[in-house]
């Protein structure tokens, strides 16, 4: 993957759906996107994934769920 490339919203949603848990943390979603199956976004920051997930939340495509830890954000596809 080209350095500096960023995943699309569809790739982020695909990563959330592919690993069929009811919810995923931001860090887990980032790690899924770093695999070869999703384009190997090796230099992707968790903060960028959080930024895109917040945009998707405003668009009504994902929502936050209660997290077992206060410092983690957990998400599910609507």
Protein backbone atom coordinates (compact mmCIF):
# COMPACT_ATOMS: atom_id res chain seq x y z
CA UNK A 1 0.00 0.00 0.00
CA UNK A 2 1.19 3.48 -0.79
CA UNK A 3 2.63 5.44 2.14
CA UNK A 4 0.07 7.86 3.53
CA UNK A 5 -2.92 6.05 1.99
CA UNK A 6 -6.07 6.10 4.10
CA UNK A 7 -8.94 3.61 4.20
CA UNK A 8 -12.32 4.58 2.81
CA UNK A 9 -15.47 4.56 4.91
CA UNK A 10 -16.54 1.39 3.10
CA UNK A 11 -13.29 -0.33 4.08
CA UNK A 12 -13.77 0.68 7.71
CA UNK A 13 -17.35 -0.61 7.72
CA UNK A 14 -16.18 -3.78 5.94
CA UNK A 15 -13.56 -4.41 8.61
CA UNK A 16 -16.23 -4.04 11.30
CA UNK A 17 -18.63 -6.43 9.56
CA UNK A 18 -16.03 -9.00 8.50
CA UNK A 19 -15.06 -9.83 12.06
CA UNK A 20 -18.60 -10.36 13.26
CA UNK A 21 -18.47 -9.26 16.85
CA UNK A 22 -21.34 -7.14 18.03
CA UNK A 23 -18.87 -4.33 18.68
CA UNK A 24 -15.20 -3.49 18.14
CA UNK A 25 -12.84 -1.02 19.73
CA UNK A 26 -11.15 1.66 17.66
CA UNK A 27 -7.74 -0.02 18.11
CA UNK A 28 -9.04 -3.39 16.95
CA UNK A 29 -10.58 -1.83 13.84
CA UNK A 30 -7.23 -0.17 13.10
CA UNK A 31 -5.40 -3.49 13.49
CA UNK A 32 -7.86 -5.23 11.15
CA UNK A 33 -7.21 -2.53 8.53
CA UNK A 34 -3.46 -3.14 8.86
CA UNK A 35 -3.84 -6.73 7.63
CA UNK A 36 -3.13 -7.64 4.01
CA UNK A 37 -6.79 -8.54 3.48
CA UNK A 38 -7.84 -4.91 3.88
CA UNK A 39 -5.02 -3.23 2.01
CA UNK A 40 -2.23 -3.22 4.58
CA UNK A 41 -2.56 0.30 5.97
CA UNK A 42 0.64 -0.09 8.02
CA UNK A 43 1.17 3.58 8.81
CA UNK A 44 -2.46 4.16 9.82
CA UNK A 45 -2.97 5.89 13.17
CA UNK A 46 -5.73 4.91 15.58
CA UNK A 47 -6.60 8.61 15.85
CA UNK A 48 -7.43 8.73 12.13
CA UNK A 49 -9.73 5.70 12.49
CA UNK A 50 -11.42 7.42 15.47
CA UNK A 51 -11.88 10.57 13.37
CA UNK A 52 -13.53 8.60 10.53
CA UNK A 53 -15.72 6.64 12.97
CA UNK A 54 -16.97 9.89 14.50
CA UNK A 55 -17.86 11.09 10.98
CA UNK A 56 -19.67 7.80 10.32
CA UNK A 57 -21.49 8.23 13.64
CA UNK A 58 -22.76 11.66 12.57
CA UNK A 59 -23.89 10.11 9.28
CA UNK A 60 -25.82 7.45 11.22
CA UNK A 61 -23.84 4.44 9.96
CA UNK A 62 -22.20 3.42 13.24
CA UNK A 63 -22.88 4.09 16.89
CA UNK A 64 -20.92 3.99 20.12
CA UNK A 65 -21.72 1.29 22.61
CA UNK A 66 -20.98 1.16 26.30
CA UNK A 67 -17.39 0.13 26.80
CA UNK A 68 -16.09 -2.01 29.63
CA UNK A 69 -13.28 0.56 29.96
CA UNK A 70 -13.78 4.32 30.07
CA UNK A 71 -10.77 5.12 27.91
CA UNK A 72 -11.78 2.91 24.96
CA UNK A 73 -14.38 3.71 22.31
CA UNK A 74 -16.41 0.73 21.14
CA UNK A 75 -18.44 0.84 17.93
CA UNK A 76 -21.09 -1.18 16.14
CA UNK A 77 -22.60 -0.90 12.69
CA UNK A 78 -26.16 0.40 12.69
